[in-house]
Amino acid sequence: MKYFDIAVIAGDGIGPEVIAEGKKVFSGIAHMDGGFSVSFEDFPWGCEYYLKTGEMMPEDGLDRLKDFDAIYLGAVGYPGVPDHISLGDLLLRIRRGFDEYINLRPIRLLKGAPCPLADISPQDINMIVVRENSEGEYANVGAHLYTGTEREVALQTGVFSRHGCERVIRYAYELARREKRSLTSISKGNALRYSMVFWDEIFAEIGKEYPDVEIHSLLVDAASMFFVKDPGRFEIVVTSNLFGDILTDLGAAIAGGMGLAAGANLNPERKYPSMFEPIHGSAPDIAGQGIANPLASIWSVSQMLEFLGEPVWAERLLTAIETLLVERRTLTPDLGGHAKTAEIGDAVLEILKR
């Protein structure tokens, strides 16, 4: 029997509520399957921990996480803690420390999910965005000079290494080849003549090794337009850290909303644990009311199962989410229902047991 040991950082706001449903579903699947078991260890890190201790996670936090099979993250952020602290000292610290250089975001319109676009069907929105996750515009390199004077200057430096660009672009090419889908690179080479021209050159170089993969290149402003006007043109997308961050949130908006947006932070070599999360944020304004939508956190369990070598259960779980949306019997208020957060995991398990 396989045994999965998962570290859980439920975090802030609605994080503990939605992560509880994901854990419920993962445990329920393990009991149904019988071929694997799962255990969770909870870590109380996040903004509340910061307000008590002055740090988002302990100094030895990465050492305490490194031997787990995966990390399950809820949401980070709360009033009173600056966003650059809550993000940089927990989420980004884990991403960089564990070399989780692939951010994988499925943008897929499930049957029954709301879509703000007219005349769009589920087959029109079905893409995977491969976002560089460790350097680029979020490398945290820069300076703040002459603070408080009329000469004050802020410098933010993007870091694009050949190593970093090659590995994320090659990952995207391999994914496109394996799934027999087209690959689109999104950059801004006409304006960012060093970083993005470099990205474009590497995309073209590596493309010579994959003559079987249909490729396209778009500027990020044009891509943003086509995400809305013609999302069906995108299958596999590869882009930089900043552009990927923005475009995937736009993708979530057209594919059911943030309550259905899941993301994986992968270390493909499995030297370190990978991290899986709903990406909707902590939503402190509705925390504790029992109305948060946990489907994104359950979808991230599907991603986790896929990465842990359980692709059949990963797809079955995604199908169960879709069935829940189509039947419309147990949905949270954001999806037009009246169910409580704690009812959703049970409803998903009931569908799986059919």
Protein backbone atom coordinates (compact mmCIF):
# COMPACT_ATOMS: atom_id res chain seq x y z
CA MET A 1 0.00 0.00 0.00
CA LYS A 2 1.21 3.48 -0.85
CA TYR A 3 1.32 6.03 1.94
CA PHE A 4 1.08 9.79 1.37
CA ASP A 5 2.24 12.19 4.08
CA ILE A 6 0.91 15.69 3.43
CA ALA A 7 1.94 18.91 5.19
CA VAL A 8 -0.98 21.31 5.60
CA ILE A 9 -0.68 25.07 5.97
CA ALA A 10 -4.32 26.18 6.09
CA GLY A 11 -3.31 29.80 6.55
CA ASP A 12 -5.64 32.74 6.97
CA GLY A 13 -9.23 33.83 6.45
CA ILE A 14 -11.25 31.16 4.67
CA GLY A 15 -8.16 28.98 4.28
CA PRO A 16 -8.92 26.59 7.18
CA GLU A 17 -12.55 26.20 6.03
CA VAL A 18 -11.80 25.28 2.43
CA ILE A 19 -8.76 23.15 3.24
CA ALA A 20 -10.86 21.09 5.68
CA GLU A 21 -13.08 20.08 2.76
CA GLY A 22 -10.11 19.13 0.62
CA LYS A 23 -8.70 16.97 3.39
CA LYS A 24 -12.12 15.36 3.84
CA VAL A 25 -12.27 14.45 0.15
CA PHE A 26 -8.68 13.17 0.00
CA SER A 27 -9.24 10.97 3.07
CA GLY A 28 -12.55 9.74 1.67
CA ILE A 29 -10.93 8.72 -1.61
CA ALA A 30 -8.19 6.86 0.27
CA HIS A 31 -10.85 4.86 2.14
CA MET A 32 -12.69 4.08 -1.10
CA ASP A 33 -9.56 3.04 -2.96
CA GLY A 34 -7.85 0.87 -0.38
CA GLY A 35 -4.59 1.00 -2.33
CA PHE A 36 -3.20 4.04 -0.59
CA SER A 37 -3.57 5.91 2.66
CA VAL A 38 -3.04 9.54 3.53
CA SER A 39 -2.14 11.44 6.68
CA PHE A 40 -1.99 15.17 7.30
CA GLU A 41 0.19 17.23 9.61
CA ASP A 42 -1.06 20.75 10.24
CA PHE A 43 1.24 23.75 10.64
CA PRO A 44 -0.23 26.96 12.15
CA TRP A 45 1.77 29.34 9.97
CA GLY A 46 0.42 32.47 8.36
CA CYS A 47 -0.64 35.98 9.35
CA GLU A 48 -2.03 35.08 12.77
CA TYR A 49 1.25 33.32 13.51
CA TYR A 50 3.10 36.43 12.28
CA LEU A 51 1.18 38.74 14.60
CA LYS A 52 2.14 36.50 17.53
CA THR A 53 5.75 35.73 16.61
CA GLY A 54 6.92 38.33 14.09
CA GLU A 55 7.48 35.71 11.37
CA MET A 56 5.19 34.04 8.84
CA MET A 57 6.88 30.69 9.40
CA PRO A 58 9.72 29.57 11.67
CA GLU A 59 13.32 29.89 10.57
CA ASP A 60 13.56 26.09 10.26
CA GLY A 61 10.23 25.87 8.42
CA LEU A 62 11.67 24.49 5.19
CA ASP A 63 13.58 21.80 7.08
CA ARG A 64 10.35 20.75 8.76
CA LEU A 65 8.55 20.50 5.41
CA LYS A 66 11.20 18.92 3.20
CA ASP A 67 10.39 15.26 3.86
CA PHE A 68 6.66 15.42 3.13
CA ASP A 69 5.24 14.02 -0.09
CA ALA A 70 3.40 17.29 -0.80
CA ILE A 71 2.33 20.55 0.79
CA TYR A 72 -1.32 21.63 0.85
CA LEU A 73 -1.65 25.40 1.23
CA GLY A 74 -4.88 27.24 2.01
CA ALA A 75 -4.74 31.03 1.73
CA VAL A 76 -2.36 33.70 2.95
CA GLY A 77 -3.13 37.31 3.81
CA TYR A 78 -4.99 39.26 6.46
CA PRO A 79 -5.58 42.93 7.37
CA GLY A 80 -2.78 44.32 9.49
CA VAL A 81 -0.04 42.31 7.77
CA PRO A 82 1.52 43.95 4.69
CA ASP A 83 0.96 41.90 1.53
CA HIS A 84 4.66 41.81 0.66
CA ILE A 85 5.30 40.21 4.07
CA SER A 86 2.49 37.66 3.93
CA LEU A 87 3.36 36.63 0.37
CA GLY A 88 7.14 36.90 0.44
CA ASP A 89 7.83 35.29 3.79
CA LEU A 90 5.68 32.19 3.33
CA LEU A 91 4.45 31.33 -0.16
CA LEU A 92 7.41 32.73 -2.10
CA ARG A 93 9.86 31.42 0.47
CA ILE A 94 8.53 27.89 -0.04
CA ARG A 95 8.43 28.22 -3.83
CA ARG A 96 12.04 29.40 -4.00
CA GLY A 97 13.39 27.24 -1.20
CA PHE A 98 11.98 24.06 -2.75
CA ASP A 99 12.74 25.10 -6.33
CA GLU A 100 9.09 24.82 -7.33
CA TYR A 101 9.84 26.41 -10.67
CA ILE A 102 6.70 25.23 -12.48
CA ASN A 103 3.38 26.85 -11.66
CA LEU A 104 0.68 24.78 -13.34
CA ARG A 105 -2.75 26.36 -13.68
CA PRO A 106 -5.60 24.53 -15.43
CA ILE A 107 -8.06 26.92 -17.03
CA ARG A 108 -10.96 24.68 -17.92
CA LEU A 109 -14.64 25.57 -18.11
CA LEU A 110 -16.44 22.67 -16.46
CA LYS A 111 -20.00 21.86 -17.41
CA GLY A 112 -22.33 23.76 -15.11
CA ALA A 113 -19.78 26.42 -14.20
CA PRO A 114 -20.71 30.07 -14.80
CA CYS A 115 -19.00 31.92 -17.64
CA PRO A 116 -19.30 35.66 -18.29
CA LEU A 117 -18.61 35.24 -22.02
CA ALA A 118 -21.45 34.89 -24.50
CA ASP A 119 -21.80 31.85 -26.77
CA ILE A 120 -19.04 29.88 -25.05
CA SER A 121 -19.19 26.14 -24.35
CA PRO A 122 -16.89 24.02 -22.15
CA GLN A 123 -14.84 22.82 -25.12
CA ASP A 124 -13.97 26.46 -25.90
CA ILE A 125 -12.03 26.96 -22.66
CA ASN A 126 -9.61 24.15 -21.90
CA MET A 127 -6.01 25.20 -21.49
CA ILE A 128 -3.07 24.66 -19.16
CA VAL A 129 -0.87 27.63 -18.32
CA VAL A 130 2.74 26.81 -17.47
CA ARG A 131 4.07 29.79 -15.54
CA GLU A 132 7.71 30.29 -14.58
CA ASN A 133 7.59 30.28 -10.80
CA SER A 134 11.02 30.99 -9.36
CA GLU A 135 12.61 34.06 -10.96
CA GLY A 136 11.57 36.57 -13.64
CA GLU A 137 9.81 39.69 -12.42
CA TYR A 138 9.28 38.20 -8.95
CA ALA A 139 12.94 37.48 -8.25
CA ASN A 140 12.96 40.08 -5.45
CA VAL A 141 16.04 41.85 -6.76
CA GLY A 142 16.18 45.62 -6.57
CA ALA A 143 16.72 48.58 -4.29
CA HIS A 144 14.93 51.46 -2.61
CA LEU A 145 17.25 54.45 -2.60
CA TYR A 146 17.16 57.93 -1.02
CA THR A 147 14.03 57.03 0.93
CA GLY A 148 11.97 60.02 2.03
CA THR A 149 13.78 62.53 -0.15
CA GLU A 150 12.90 64.17 -3.45
CA ARG A 151 15.49 61.90 -5.07
CA GLU A 152 13.71 58.72 -3.90
CA VAL A 153 14.09 55.86 -6.38
CA ALA A 154 12.75 52.30 -6.47
CA LEU A 155 14.50 49.75 -8.67
CA GLN A 156 12.90 46.37 -9.46
CA THR A 157 15.03 44.01 -11.52
CA GLY A 158 13.67 41.06 -13.45
CA VAL A 159 15.94 38.02 -13.48
CA PHE A 160 15.82 35.79 -16.56
CA SER A 161 18.52 33.13 -16.55
CA ARG A 162 19.10 30.69 -19.39
CA HIS A 163 18.75 27.86 -16.90
CA GLY A 164 15.45 29.19 -15.56
CA CYS A 165 13.93 29.96 -18.95
CA GLU A 166 15.07 26.74 -20.60
CA ARG A 167 13.66 24.44 -17.97
CA VAL A 168 10.18 25.97 -17.87
CA ILE A 169 9.95 26.25 -21.65
CA ARG A 170 11.16 22.67 -22.11
CA TYR A 171 8.61 21.48 -19.56
CA ALA A 172 5.88 23.17 -21.62
CA TYR A 173 7.13 21.63 -24.88
CA GLU A 174 7.18 18.17 -23.27
CA LEU A 175 3.64 18.67 -21.96
CA ALA A 176 2.42 19.80 -25.38
CA ARG A 177 4.06 16.80 -27.06
CA ARG A 178 2.68 14.34 -24.52
CA GLU A 179 -0.85 15.69 -24.79
CA LYS A 180 -0.62 16.35 -28.55
CA ARG A 181 -1.71 19.95 -28.10
CA SER A 182 -0.45 23.26 -29.43
CA LEU A 183 1.93 25.48 -27.44
CA THR A 184 1.74 29.27 -27.22
CA SER A 185 4.52 31.40 -25.74
CA ILE A 186 3.43 34.75 -24.31
CA SER A 187 5.99 37.55 -23.84
CA LYS A 188 6.50 41.26 -24.49
CA GLY A 189 9.58 41.28 -26.68
CA ASN A 190 8.67 44.47 -28.51
CA ALA A 191 9.03 46.58 -25.34
CA LEU A 192 11.24 44.55 -22.97
CA ARG A 193 14.19 44.23 -25.31
CA TYR A 194 16.46 42.31 -22.96
CA SER A 195 14.43 39.92 -20.80
CA MET A 196 11.60 39.14 -23.20
CA VAL A 197 13.73 39.04 -26.36
CA PHE A 198 15.91 36.55 -24.49
CA TRP A 199 12.79 34.52 -23.61
CA ASP A 200 11.65 34.55 -27.25
CA GLU A 201 15.05 33.41 -28.48
CA ILE A 202 15.13 30.48 -26.06
CA PHE A 203 11.57 29.48 -27.00
CA ALA A 204 12.62 29.37 -30.67
CA GLU A 205 15.87 27.48 -29.92
CA ILE A 206 14.16 24.73 -27.94
CA GLY A 207 11.38 24.54 -30.49
CA LYS A 208 13.85 23.10 -33.02
CA GLU A 209 13.92 19.94 -30.87
CA TYR A 210 10.13 19.59 -31.07
CA PRO A 211 9.19 19.82 -34.76
CA ASP A 212 6.02 17.83 -34.02
CA VAL A 213 4.62 20.52 -31.69
CA GLU A 214 2.50 23.27 -33.22
CA ILE A 215 3.74 26.56 -31.76
CA HIS A 216 2.56 30.16 -31.59
CA SER A 217 3.94 33.35 -30.03
CA LEU A 218 1.89 36.28 -28.78
CA LEU A 219 2.54 39.56 -27.03
CA VAL A 220 0.91 39.67 -23.63
CA ASP A 221 -1.50 42.48 -24.51
CA ALA A 222 -2.78 40.59 -27.55
CA ALA A 223 -2.97 37.39 -25.51
CA SER A 224 -5.08 39.16 -22.88
CA MET A 225 -7.52 40.18 -25.59
CA PHE A 226 -7.69 36.69 -27.07
CA PHE A 227 -8.22 35.09 -23.63
CA VAL A 228 -11.57 36.91 -23.71
CA LYS A 229 -12.42 37.01 -27.43
CA ASP A 230 -11.12 33.61 -28.54
CA PRO A 231 -10.00 31.42 -25.59
CA GLY A 232 -10.30 28.30 -27.72
CA ARG A 233 -7.08 29.16 -29.54
CA PHE A 234 -5.05 28.34 -26.39
CA GLU A 235 -4.17 24.77 -25.38
CA ILE A 236 -0.80 24.81 -23.61
CA VAL A 237 0.55 28.25 -22.68
CA VAL A 238 4.01 29.09 -21.34
CA THR A 239 4.91 32.50 -19.95
CA SER A 240 6.90 34.40 -17.35
CA ASN A 241 6.16 34.79 -13.66
CA LEU A 242 4.37 38.15 -13.80
CA PHE A 243 2.47 37.59 -17.04
CA GLY A 244 1.43 34.13 -15.86
CA ASP A 245 0.15 35.52 -12.58
CA ILE A 246 -2.07 38.06 -14.32
CA LEU A 247 -3.26 35.89 -17.21
CA THR A 248 -4.26 32.96 -15.03
CA ASP A 249 -6.48 35.17 -12.90
CA LEU A 250 -8.07 36.42 -16.10
CA GLY A 251 -8.45 32.78 -17.08
CA ALA A 252 -10.14 32.01 -13.77
CA ALA A 253 -12.62 34.83 -14.39
CA ILE A 254 -13.74 33.30 -17.69
CA ALA A 255 -13.77 29.71 -16.39
CA GLY A 256 -16.11 29.80 -13.42
CA GLY A 257 -14.53 32.38 -11.15
CA MET A 258 -11.86 32.33 -8.47
CA GLY A 259 -13.80 29.77 -6.45
CA LEU A 260 -12.85 27.22 -9.11
CA ALA A 261 -9.21 28.23 -9.56
CA ALA A 262 -6.58 25.74 -8.43
CA GLY A 263 -2.82 25.82 -8.85
CA ALA A 264 0.19 23.56 -8.45
CA ASN A 265 3.75 24.65 -7.61
CA LEU A 266 5.90 21.82 -8.89
CA ASN A 267 9.43 20.65 -8.40
CA PRO A 268 9.32 18.19 -11.31
CA GLU A 269 12.50 16.38 -10.26
CA ARG A 270 10.83 15.62 -6.88
CA LYS A 271 13.95 16.57 -4.97
CA TYR A 272 11.66 18.70 -2.80
CA PRO A 273 7.93 18.50 -2.07
CA SER A 274 5.57 20.25 -4.45
CA MET A 275 2.80 22.53 -3.18
CA PHE A 276 -0.88 22.63 -4.16
CA GLU A 277 -3.31 25.45 -3.44
CA PRO A 278 -6.55 27.19 -4.26
CA ILE A 279 -5.51 30.59 -5.52
CA HIS A 280 -8.53 32.67 -4.56
CA GLY A 281 -6.98 34.43 -1.57
CA SER A 282 -8.00 34.54 2.08
CA ALA A 283 -11.27 36.53 1.68
CA PRO A 284 -11.30 37.75 5.32
CA ASP A 285 -14.65 39.50 4.78
CA ILE A 286 -16.47 36.13 4.61
CA ALA A 287 -14.23 34.08 6.90
CA GLY A 288 -16.09 32.10 9.55
CA GLN A 289 -19.48 32.43 7.88
CA GLY A 290 -19.44 28.98 6.31
CA ILE A 291 -20.20 30.30 2.83
CA ALA A 292 -16.77 30.06 1.17
CA ASN A 293 -16.57 27.92 -1.95
CA PRO A 294 -14.10 25.03 -1.38
CA LEU A 295 -14.18 23.64 -4.93
CA ALA A 296 -10.83 25.22 -5.83
CA SER A 297 -9.20 23.53 -2.84
CA ILE A 298 -10.82 20.23 -3.88
CA TRP A 299 -9.62 20.73 -7.46
CA SER A 300 -6.10 21.23 -6.08
CA VAL A 301 -6.46 17.82 -4.41
CA SER A 302 -7.09 16.46 -7.92
CA GLN A 303 -3.83 18.07 -9.04
CA MET A 304 -2.07 16.57 -6.03
CA LEU A 305 -3.40 13.09 -6.80
CA GLU A 306 -2.19 13.41 -10.38
CA PHE A 307 1.30 14.39 -9.24
CA LEU A 308 1.40 11.62 -6.63
CA GLY A 309 0.73 8.98 -9.27
CA GLU A 310 -3.05 8.57 -9.00
CA PRO A 311 -4.27 9.95 -12.36
CA VAL A 312 -7.48 7.88 -12.41
CA TRP A 313 -8.65 9.32 -9.09
CA ALA A 314 -7.52 12.79 -10.19
CA GLU A 315 -9.80 12.64 -13.22
CA ARG A 316 -12.66 11.02 -11.31
CA LEU A 317 -12.50 13.81 -8.75
CA LEU A 318 -12.62 16.48 -11.44
CA THR A 319 -15.61 14.72 -13.00
CA ALA A 320 -17.31 14.68 -9.58
CA ILE A 321 -16.82 18.45 -9.26
CA GLU A 322 -18.36 18.87 -12.70
CA THR A 323 -21.31 16.66 -11.74
CA LEU A 324 -21.86 18.74 -8.62
CA LEU A 325 -22.00 21.88 -10.76
CA VAL A 326 -24.39 20.35 -13.26
CA GLU A 327 -26.79 18.92 -10.66
CA ARG A 328 -26.83 22.21 -8.71
CA ARG A 329 -28.14 20.54 -5.56
CA THR A 330 -25.24 21.45 -3.26
CA LEU A 331 -23.58 24.73 -4.17
CA THR A 332 -22.32 27.67 -2.13
CA PRO A 333 -23.91 31.15 -2.53
CA ASP A 334 -21.30 32.39 -5.01
CA LEU A 335 -22.55 29.73 -7.42
CA GLY A 336 -26.21 30.45 -6.77
CA GLY A 337 -26.79 27.83 -4.07
CA HIS A 338 -27.51 27.79 -0.36
CA ALA A 339 -25.08 25.12 0.88
CA LYS A 340 -22.52 25.64 3.60
CA THR A 341 -18.81 25.16 3.01
CA ALA A 342 -18.78 22.03 5.20
CA GLU A 343 -21.44 20.35 3.02
CA ILE A 344 -19.46 20.45 -0.22
CA GLY A 345 -16.87 17.80 0.59
CA ASP A 346 -19.60 15.35 1.63
CA ALA A 347 -21.51 16.05 -1.58
CA VAL A 348 -18.42 15.39 -3.71
CA LEU A 349 -17.76 12.12 -1.88
CA GLU A 350 -21.37 11.06 -2.37
CA ILE A 351 -20.99 11.56 -6.13
CA LEU A 352 -17.73 9.60 -6.15
CA LYS A 353 -19.41 6.70 -4.32
CA ARG A 354 -21.98 6.38 -7.09
